[in-house]
Amino acid sequence: MKTLFFTITFLFFILAPVLVFADQASVVTKENAIREYCKFFAPIKSPVRYNDVLDILSPQGDWFKVKYRSVEGCIHKTAVQQRTVSFTGAKVSGKGAGSVSEGETSLAGKGFNPQVEASYKTKHPEMKYYLVDGIEKYEVPDKDIAQFVTGGGLNQP
């Protein structure tokens, strides 16, 4: 009986942290994708947007294997802000890259807001901001990038 008590107590202290916390991550880029496998040009299984919350299933090198709604796949670590939360919903800790705070990362993911852009345009009218807007709108399809990588004999990151 004494051995059973100590065994249950030991297992409780070993398993309790696993039962209390789950790893999640928030998307910190404007748009991104859950990919079929952990490569940049792998087929997209689901698009994700800024602030979507993903369940982290496991780390895979520079990637996380994640679950978003019912879709499982990979997302690069730079696209998310990892956080550990308790099942009560209270945030316990953030695990961002380097010394960048979660707030700074979030702001970077959002880009400049219209007020900040207007302020810069007022202070620096000589700058050609329409070129930046044009670059932001320029899209290259994944298949074209994959063809470029393959054709150039490049290794996928």
N, C-alpha and C. Protein backbone atom coordinates (compact mmCIF):
# COMPACT_ATOMS: atom_id res chain seq x y z
N MET A 1 0.82 -1.19 0.00
CA MET A 1 0.00 0.00 0.00
C MET A 1 0.87 1.26 0.00
N LYS A 2 1.92 1.23 0.80
CA LYS A 2 2.81 2.38 0.88
C LYS A 2 3.50 2.61 -0.46
N THR A 3 3.91 1.54 -1.13
CA THR A 3 4.56 1.64 -2.43
C THR A 3 3.61 2.23 -3.46
N LEU A 4 2.36 1.82 -3.43
CA LEU A 4 1.35 2.35 -4.36
C LEU A 4 1.17 3.85 -4.14
N PHE A 5 1.10 4.27 -2.89
CA PHE A 5 0.96 5.69 -2.58
C PHE A 5 2.14 6.50 -3.13
N PHE A 6 3.36 6.01 -2.90
CA PHE A 6 4.54 6.73 -3.40
C PHE A 6 4.60 6.73 -4.93
N THR A 7 4.18 5.65 -5.53
CA THR A 7 4.17 5.58 -7.00
C THR A 7 3.19 6.59 -7.58
N ILE A 8 1.99 6.66 -7.02
CA ILE A 8 0.98 7.61 -7.51
C ILE A 8 1.45 9.04 -7.29
N THR A 9 2.03 9.32 -6.12
CA THR A 9 2.54 10.66 -5.83
C THR A 9 3.66 11.03 -6.80
N PHE A 10 4.56 10.09 -7.06
CA PHE A 10 5.67 10.33 -7.98
C PHE A 10 5.14 10.63 -9.39
N LEU A 11 4.19 9.83 -9.86
CA LEU A 11 3.62 10.04 -11.19
C LEU A 11 2.88 11.36 -11.29
N PHE A 12 2.21 11.76 -10.21
CA PHE A 12 1.49 13.04 -10.21
C PHE A 12 2.47 14.19 -10.43
N PHE A 13 3.59 14.19 -9.70
CA PHE A 13 4.54 15.29 -9.85
C PHE A 13 5.26 15.28 -11.19
N ILE A 14 5.42 14.11 -11.77
CA ILE A 14 6.06 14.02 -13.08
C ILE A 14 5.10 14.45 -14.19
N LEU A 15 3.85 14.03 -14.10
CA LEU A 15 2.89 14.28 -15.18
C LEU A 15 2.11 15.57 -15.03
N ALA A 16 2.05 16.16 -13.87
CA ALA A 16 1.23 17.35 -13.65
C ALA A 16 1.59 18.49 -14.59
N PRO A 17 2.87 18.83 -14.79
CA PRO A 17 3.16 19.93 -15.72
C PRO A 17 2.69 19.63 -17.14
N VAL A 18 2.75 18.41 -17.56
CA VAL A 18 2.31 18.04 -18.90
C VAL A 18 0.80 18.23 -19.02
N LEU A 19 0.08 17.92 -17.96
CA LEU A 19 -1.37 18.02 -18.01
C LEU A 19 -1.85 19.46 -17.89
N VAL A 20 -1.09 20.32 -17.26
CA VAL A 20 -1.53 21.69 -17.01
C VAL A 20 -1.24 22.62 -18.18
N PHE A 21 -0.13 22.41 -18.90
CA PHE A 21 0.28 23.36 -19.92
C PHE A 21 0.24 22.75 -21.32
N ALA A 22 -0.09 23.57 -22.27
CA ALA A 22 -0.05 23.18 -23.67
C ALA A 22 0.65 24.28 -24.44
N ASP A 23 1.46 23.93 -25.41
CA ASP A 23 2.14 24.93 -26.21
C ASP A 23 1.25 25.37 -27.36
N GLN A 24 1.21 26.66 -27.51
CA GLN A 24 0.49 27.26 -28.63
C GLN A 24 1.37 28.34 -29.22
N ALA A 25 0.99 28.80 -30.38
CA ALA A 25 1.72 29.88 -31.03
C ALA A 25 0.72 30.75 -31.77
N SER A 26 1.02 32.04 -31.80
CA SER A 26 0.20 32.99 -32.56
C SER A 26 0.96 33.38 -33.82
N VAL A 27 0.24 33.49 -34.90
CA VAL A 27 0.84 33.92 -36.16
C VAL A 27 1.19 35.40 -36.03
N VAL A 28 2.43 35.76 -36.36
CA VAL A 28 2.89 37.14 -36.20
C VAL A 28 3.10 37.84 -37.55
N THR A 29 2.82 37.15 -38.63
CA THR A 29 2.92 37.78 -39.94
C THR A 29 1.51 38.06 -40.47
N LYS A 30 1.43 38.98 -41.41
CA LYS A 30 0.12 39.35 -41.96
C LYS A 30 -0.59 38.15 -42.54
N GLU A 31 0.13 37.36 -43.31
CA GLU A 31 -0.41 36.14 -43.90
C GLU A 31 0.68 35.08 -43.88
N ASN A 32 0.30 33.84 -43.77
CA ASN A 32 1.24 32.74 -43.84
C ASN A 32 0.46 31.48 -44.18
N ALA A 33 1.13 30.32 -44.06
CA ALA A 33 0.46 29.09 -44.47
C ALA A 33 0.92 27.90 -43.64
N ILE A 34 -0.01 26.98 -43.41
CA ILE A 34 0.32 25.67 -42.87
C ILE A 34 0.66 24.82 -44.10
N ARG A 35 1.86 24.27 -44.11
CA ARG A 35 2.33 23.52 -45.29
C ARG A 35 2.30 22.01 -45.03
N GLU A 36 2.22 21.28 -46.11
CA GLU A 36 2.09 19.82 -46.02
C GLU A 36 3.30 19.19 -45.33
N TYR A 37 4.49 19.67 -45.62
CA TYR A 37 5.68 19.21 -44.93
C TYR A 37 6.58 20.41 -44.67
N CYS A 38 7.61 20.24 -43.91
CA CYS A 38 8.42 21.36 -43.40
C CYS A 38 9.44 21.87 -44.41
N LYS A 39 8.96 22.40 -45.50
CA LYS A 39 9.77 23.05 -46.52
C LYS A 39 9.00 24.27 -47.00
N PHE A 40 9.73 25.34 -47.38
CA PHE A 40 9.08 26.58 -47.75
C PHE A 40 8.15 26.44 -48.97
N PHE A 41 8.46 25.56 -49.87
CA PHE A 41 7.64 25.45 -51.06
C PHE A 41 6.78 24.20 -51.08
N ALA A 42 6.57 23.63 -49.91
CA ALA A 42 5.66 22.50 -49.81
C ALA A 42 4.24 22.99 -50.08
N PRO A 43 3.37 22.12 -50.57
CA PRO A 43 1.99 22.52 -50.84
C PRO A 43 1.31 23.09 -49.58
N ILE A 44 0.49 24.10 -49.80
CA ILE A 44 -0.23 24.76 -48.70
C ILE A 44 -1.47 23.96 -48.34
N LYS A 45 -1.61 23.66 -47.05
CA LYS A 45 -2.80 22.95 -46.58
C LYS A 45 -3.87 23.91 -46.07
N SER A 46 -3.40 25.04 -45.49
CA SER A 46 -4.36 26.02 -44.98
C SER A 46 -3.67 27.37 -44.83
N PRO A 47 -4.30 28.43 -45.31
CA PRO A 47 -3.73 29.75 -45.04
C PRO A 47 -4.02 30.14 -43.59
N VAL A 48 -3.13 30.94 -43.02
CA VAL A 48 -3.36 31.49 -41.67
C VAL A 48 -3.06 32.98 -41.73
N ARG A 49 -3.63 33.69 -40.79
CA ARG A 49 -3.47 35.14 -40.77
C ARG A 49 -2.97 35.59 -39.40
N TYR A 50 -2.60 36.85 -39.36
CA TYR A 50 -2.08 37.45 -38.14
C TYR A 50 -3.00 37.13 -36.95
N ASN A 51 -2.37 36.70 -35.88
CA ASN A 51 -3.03 36.44 -34.60
C ASN A 51 -3.81 35.13 -34.54
N ASP A 52 -3.84 34.34 -35.60
CA ASP A 52 -4.45 33.01 -35.50
C ASP A 52 -3.63 32.20 -34.50
N VAL A 53 -4.31 31.40 -33.69
CA VAL A 53 -3.64 30.60 -32.66
C VAL A 53 -3.54 29.16 -33.15
N LEU A 54 -2.30 28.62 -33.09
CA LEU A 54 -2.02 27.27 -33.56
C LEU A 54 -1.58 26.42 -32.38
N ASP A 55 -1.95 25.16 -32.38
CA ASP A 55 -1.45 24.22 -31.37
C ASP A 55 -0.14 23.63 -31.88
N ILE A 56 0.90 23.72 -31.07
CA ILE A 56 2.19 23.16 -31.47
C ILE A 56 2.21 21.68 -31.10
N LEU A 57 2.42 20.84 -32.10
CA LEU A 57 2.47 19.40 -31.86
C LEU A 57 3.88 18.94 -31.55
N SER A 58 4.87 19.51 -32.29
CA SER A 58 6.27 19.17 -32.03
C SER A 58 7.18 20.10 -32.82
N PRO A 59 8.39 20.31 -32.33
CA PRO A 59 9.37 21.06 -33.13
C PRO A 59 9.95 20.15 -34.21
N GLN A 60 10.26 20.75 -35.36
CA GLN A 60 10.85 19.99 -36.48
C GLN A 60 11.99 20.83 -37.04
N GLY A 61 13.10 20.94 -36.33
CA GLY A 61 14.20 21.82 -36.76
C GLY A 61 13.78 23.27 -36.62
N ASP A 62 13.82 24.02 -37.73
CA ASP A 62 13.40 25.42 -37.72
C ASP A 62 11.89 25.58 -37.91
N TRP A 63 11.19 24.49 -37.86
CA TRP A 63 9.75 24.49 -38.10
C TRP A 63 9.02 23.94 -36.88
N PHE A 64 7.74 24.20 -36.84
CA PHE A 64 6.86 23.54 -35.88
C PHE A 64 5.86 22.71 -36.65
N LYS A 65 5.61 21.51 -36.16
CA LYS A 65 4.46 20.75 -36.65
C LYS A 65 3.29 21.26 -35.81
N VAL A 66 2.24 21.73 -36.47
CA VAL A 66 1.14 22.39 -35.76
C VAL A 66 -0.21 21.84 -36.20
N LYS A 67 -1.20 22.20 -35.41
CA LYS A 67 -2.58 21.89 -35.78
C LYS A 67 -3.36 23.19 -35.71
N TYR A 68 -4.08 23.49 -36.79
CA TYR A 68 -4.92 24.69 -36.85
C TYR A 68 -6.29 24.23 -37.31
N ARG A 69 -7.26 24.40 -36.43
CA ARG A 69 -8.59 23.83 -36.64
C ARG A 69 -8.42 22.33 -36.83
N SER A 70 -8.79 21.76 -37.93
CA SER A 70 -8.61 20.31 -38.10
C SER A 70 -7.42 19.98 -39.00
N VAL A 71 -6.63 20.98 -39.36
CA VAL A 71 -5.52 20.79 -40.30
C VAL A 71 -4.20 20.67 -39.54
N GLU A 72 -3.44 19.63 -39.86
CA GLU A 72 -2.10 19.46 -39.31
C GLU A 72 -1.08 19.68 -40.42
N GLY A 73 0.00 20.37 -40.07
CA GLY A 73 1.05 20.62 -41.04
C GLY A 73 2.19 21.37 -40.39
N CYS A 74 2.98 22.04 -41.20
CA CYS A 74 4.19 22.71 -40.71
C CYS A 74 4.10 24.21 -40.95
N ILE A 75 4.71 24.96 -40.02
CA ILE A 75 4.87 26.39 -40.20
C ILE A 75 6.25 26.76 -39.66
N HIS A 76 6.93 27.69 -40.35
CA HIS A 76 8.28 28.08 -39.93
C HIS A 76 8.22 28.85 -38.62
N LYS A 77 9.23 28.65 -37.79
CA LYS A 77 9.24 29.28 -36.47
C LYS A 77 9.22 30.80 -36.53
N THR A 78 9.75 31.38 -37.60
CA THR A 78 9.77 32.84 -37.69
C THR A 78 8.40 33.44 -37.93
N ALA A 79 7.43 32.61 -38.28
CA ALA A 79 6.10 33.11 -38.59
C ALA A 79 5.18 33.14 -37.37
N VAL A 80 5.69 32.63 -36.25
CA VAL A 80 4.83 32.53 -35.07
C VAL A 80 5.55 33.02 -33.82
N GLN A 81 4.78 33.35 -32.83
CA GLN A 81 5.27 33.69 -31.50
C GLN A 81 4.79 32.58 -30.59
N GLN A 82 5.74 31.79 -30.12
CA GLN A 82 5.37 30.67 -29.28
C GLN A 82 4.99 31.16 -27.89
N ARG A 83 4.00 30.54 -27.32
CA ARG A 83 3.60 30.88 -25.97
C ARG A 83 3.11 29.62 -25.29
N THR A 84 3.26 29.61 -23.99
CA THR A 84 2.77 28.49 -23.19
C THR A 84 1.59 28.99 -22.39
N VAL A 85 0.50 28.30 -22.47
CA VAL A 85 -0.69 28.72 -21.74
C VAL A 85 -1.19 27.58 -20.88
N SER A 86 -1.82 27.94 -19.79
CA SER A 86 -2.45 26.92 -18.95
C SER A 86 -3.84 26.66 -19.49
N PHE A 87 -4.45 25.62 -19.07
CA PHE A 87 -5.79 25.33 -19.53
C PHE A 87 -6.82 26.29 -18.95
N THR A 88 -6.40 27.11 -17.98
CA THR A 88 -7.30 28.13 -17.46
C THR A 88 -7.34 29.32 -18.39
N GLY A 89 -6.44 29.37 -19.39
CA GLY A 89 -6.43 30.46 -20.34
C GLY A 89 -5.44 31.54 -19.99
N ALA A 90 -4.82 31.50 -18.82
CA ALA A 90 -3.85 32.52 -18.43
C ALA A 90 -2.52 32.25 -19.11
N LYS A 91 -1.95 33.28 -19.68
CA LYS A 91 -0.66 33.12 -20.35
C LYS A 91 0.41 32.96 -19.30
N VAL A 92 1.28 31.98 -19.48
CA VAL A 92 2.32 31.71 -18.51
C VAL A 92 3.64 32.31 -18.94
N SER A 93 4.05 32.07 -20.16
CA SER A 93 5.32 32.62 -20.61
C SER A 93 5.35 32.71 -22.12
N GLY A 94 6.15 33.64 -22.62
CA GLY A 94 6.37 33.77 -24.06
C GLY A 94 7.77 33.28 -24.37
N LYS A 95 7.97 32.77 -25.55
CA LYS A 95 9.27 32.27 -25.96
C LYS A 95 9.60 32.86 -27.31
N GLY A 96 9.81 34.14 -27.37
CA GLY A 96 10.10 34.80 -28.63
C GLY A 96 11.54 34.63 -29.04
N ALA A 97 11.85 35.09 -30.22
CA ALA A 97 13.21 35.02 -30.73
C ALA A 97 14.06 36.11 -30.10
N GLY A 98 15.17 35.76 -29.50
CA GLY A 98 16.10 36.73 -28.95
C GLY A 98 15.47 37.57 -27.87
N SER A 99 15.80 38.88 -27.86
CA SER A 99 15.30 39.74 -26.81
C SER A 99 14.13 40.59 -27.27
N VAL A 100 13.52 40.24 -28.37
CA VAL A 100 12.39 41.00 -28.89
C VAL A 100 11.15 40.62 -28.09
N SER A 101 10.43 41.64 -27.63
CA SER A 101 9.24 41.37 -26.84
C SER A 101 8.10 40.90 -27.73
N GLU A 102 7.09 40.32 -27.11
CA GLU A 102 5.94 39.84 -27.87
C GLU A 102 5.24 41.02 -28.56
N GLY A 103 5.18 42.16 -27.88
CA GLY A 103 4.55 43.33 -28.47
C GLY A 103 5.29 43.85 -29.69
N GLU A 104 6.62 43.85 -29.62
CA GLU A 104 7.42 44.30 -30.77
C GLU A 104 7.24 43.37 -31.95
N THR A 105 7.22 42.07 -31.66
CA THR A 105 7.02 41.10 -32.73
C THR A 105 5.65 41.28 -33.36
N SER A 106 4.66 41.53 -32.53
CA SER A 106 3.31 41.72 -33.06
C SER A 106 3.23 42.94 -33.94
N LEU A 107 3.87 44.03 -33.52
CA LEU A 107 3.86 45.25 -34.33
C LEU A 107 4.56 45.03 -35.67
N ALA A 108 5.66 44.28 -35.64
CA ALA A 108 6.37 44.00 -36.88
C ALA A 108 5.50 43.19 -37.83
N GLY A 109 4.72 42.29 -37.28
CA GLY A 109 3.83 41.47 -38.10
C GLY A 109 2.71 42.27 -38.73
N LYS A 110 2.30 43.34 -38.06
CA LYS A 110 1.21 44.15 -38.58
C LYS A 110 1.67 45.12 -39.65
N GLY A 111 2.95 45.48 -39.60
CA GLY A 111 3.43 46.51 -40.51
C GLY A 111 3.03 47.87 -39.97
N PHE A 112 3.27 48.89 -40.73
CA PHE A 112 2.89 50.24 -40.31
C PHE A 112 1.39 50.43 -40.48
N ASN A 113 0.81 51.14 -39.54
CA ASN A 113 -0.61 51.45 -39.70
C ASN A 113 -0.74 52.73 -40.54
N PRO A 114 -1.93 53.05 -41.01
CA PRO A 114 -2.10 54.22 -41.87
C PRO A 114 -1.63 55.53 -41.23
N GLN A 115 -1.80 55.65 -39.91
CA GLN A 115 -1.39 56.88 -39.23
C GLN A 115 0.14 57.02 -39.25
N VAL A 116 0.85 55.92 -39.01
CA VAL A 116 2.31 55.97 -39.02
C VAL A 116 2.81 56.27 -40.43
N GLU A 117 2.20 55.63 -41.42
CA GLU A 117 2.60 55.90 -42.81
C GLU A 117 2.36 57.35 -43.18
N ALA A 118 1.21 57.89 -42.78
CA ALA A 118 0.90 59.30 -43.08
C ALA A 118 1.92 60.21 -42.42
N SER A 119 2.33 59.90 -41.20
CA SER A 119 3.31 60.70 -40.48
C SER A 119 4.66 60.71 -41.22
N TYR A 120 5.10 59.52 -41.68
CA TYR A 120 6.36 59.44 -42.42
C TYR A 120 6.27 60.21 -43.74
N LYS A 121 5.13 60.11 -44.40
CA LYS A 121 4.98 60.82 -45.68
C LYS A 121 5.04 62.33 -45.47
N THR A 122 4.49 62.79 -44.36
CA THR A 122 4.53 64.23 -44.07
C THR A 122 5.95 64.68 -43.77
N LYS A 123 6.68 63.86 -43.01
CA LYS A 123 8.05 64.23 -42.62
C LYS A 123 9.06 64.06 -43.75
N HIS A 124 8.77 63.14 -44.68
CA HIS A 124 9.72 62.85 -45.77
C HIS A 124 8.99 62.82 -47.11
N PRO A 125 8.54 63.97 -47.59
CA PRO A 125 7.78 63.99 -48.85
C PRO A 125 8.62 63.62 -50.06
N GLU A 126 9.94 63.66 -49.93
CA GLU A 126 10.80 63.32 -51.05
C GLU A 126 10.84 61.81 -51.34
N MET A 127 10.42 61.01 -50.39
CA MET A 127 10.46 59.55 -50.55
C MET A 127 9.34 59.09 -51.50
N LYS A 128 9.63 58.03 -52.24
CA LYS A 128 8.66 57.48 -53.21
C LYS A 128 7.95 56.28 -52.59
N TYR A 129 6.98 56.56 -51.73
CA TYR A 129 6.29 55.50 -51.00
C TYR A 129 5.44 54.62 -51.92
N TYR A 130 5.05 55.14 -53.06
CA TYR A 130 4.25 54.31 -53.96
C TYR A 130 5.04 53.09 -54.44
N LEU A 131 6.38 53.21 -54.45
CA LEU A 131 7.19 52.05 -54.83
C LEU A 131 7.09 50.94 -53.79
N VAL A 132 7.07 51.32 -52.53
CA VAL A 132 6.92 50.34 -51.45
C VAL A 132 5.55 49.68 -51.55
N ASP A 133 4.52 50.51 -51.78
CA ASP A 133 3.16 49.95 -51.93
C ASP A 133 3.10 48.97 -53.10
N GLY A 134 3.80 49.30 -54.18
CA GLY A 134 3.82 48.41 -55.34
C GLY A 134 4.50 47.09 -55.04
N ILE A 135 5.59 47.15 -54.29
CA ILE A 135 6.31 45.93 -53.92
C ILE A 135 5.45 45.07 -53.01
N GLU A 136 4.73 45.70 -52.08
CA GLU A 136 3.87 44.93 -51.17
C GLU A 136 2.78 44.18 -51.92
N LYS A 137 2.33 44.73 -53.02
CA LYS A 137 1.24 44.11 -53.79
C LYS A 137 1.75 43.06 -54.79
N TYR A 138 3.06 43.07 -55.04
CA TYR A 138 3.62 42.16 -56.03
C TYR A 138 3.66 40.74 -55.45
N GLU A 139 3.03 39.82 -56.12
CA GLU A 139 3.00 38.43 -55.65
C GLU A 139 3.64 37.50 -56.67
N VAL A 140 4.40 36.56 -56.16
CA VAL A 140 4.99 35.53 -57.01
C VAL A 140 4.37 34.20 -56.58
N PRO A 141 3.71 33.52 -57.48
CA PRO A 141 3.08 32.24 -57.12
C PRO A 141 4.13 31.23 -56.64
N ASP A 142 3.71 30.41 -55.65
CA ASP A 142 4.62 29.39 -55.11
C ASP A 142 5.20 28.49 -56.19
N LYS A 143 4.39 28.15 -57.20
CA LYS A 143 4.90 27.25 -58.25
C LYS A 143 6.03 27.91 -59.03
N ASP A 144 5.97 29.22 -59.23
CA ASP A 144 7.05 29.93 -59.93
C ASP A 144 8.32 29.95 -59.07
N ILE A 145 8.16 30.13 -57.77
CA ILE A 145 9.33 30.11 -56.87
C ILE A 145 9.95 28.72 -56.86
N ALA A 146 9.10 27.71 -56.76
CA ALA A 146 9.61 26.33 -56.76
C ALA A 146 10.34 26.02 -58.05
N GLN A 147 9.80 26.49 -59.17
CA GLN A 147 10.45 26.27 -60.47
C GLN A 147 11.79 26.99 -60.52
N PHE A 148 11.86 28.20 -59.95
CA PHE A 148 13.11 28.96 -59.90
C PHE A 148 14.15 28.22 -59.07
N VAL A 149 13.73 27.69 -57.92
CA VAL A 149 14.65 26.95 -57.04
C VAL A 149 15.17 25.71 -57.74
N THR A 150 14.26 24.96 -58.34
CA THR A 150 14.65 23.72 -59.03
C THR A 150 15.53 24.03 -60.24
N GLY A 151 15.11 24.99 -61.04
CA GLY A 151 15.86 25.35 -62.24
C GLY A 151 17.25 25.90 -61.95
N GLY A 152 17.37 26.58 -60.80
CA GLY A 152 18.65 27.15 -60.42
C GLY A 152 19.53 26.19 -59.65
N GLY A 153 19.03 24.98 -59.41
CA GLY A 153 19.80 23.99 -58.65
C GLY A 153 20.01 24.41 -57.20
N LEU A 154 19.07 25.18 -56.66
CA LEU A 154 19.19 25.64 -55.28
C LEU A 154 18.64 24.59 -54.32
N ASN A 155 19.14 24.61 -53.10
CA ASN A 155 18.61 23.73 -52.06
C ASN A 155 17.51 24.48 -51.32
N GLN A 156 16.42 23.80 -51.06
CA GLN A 156 15.35 24.41 -50.29
C GLN A 156 15.80 24.58 -48.85
N PRO A 157 15.50 25.75 -48.27
CA PRO A 157 15.87 25.94 -46.87
C PRO A 157 15.02 25.08 -45.95
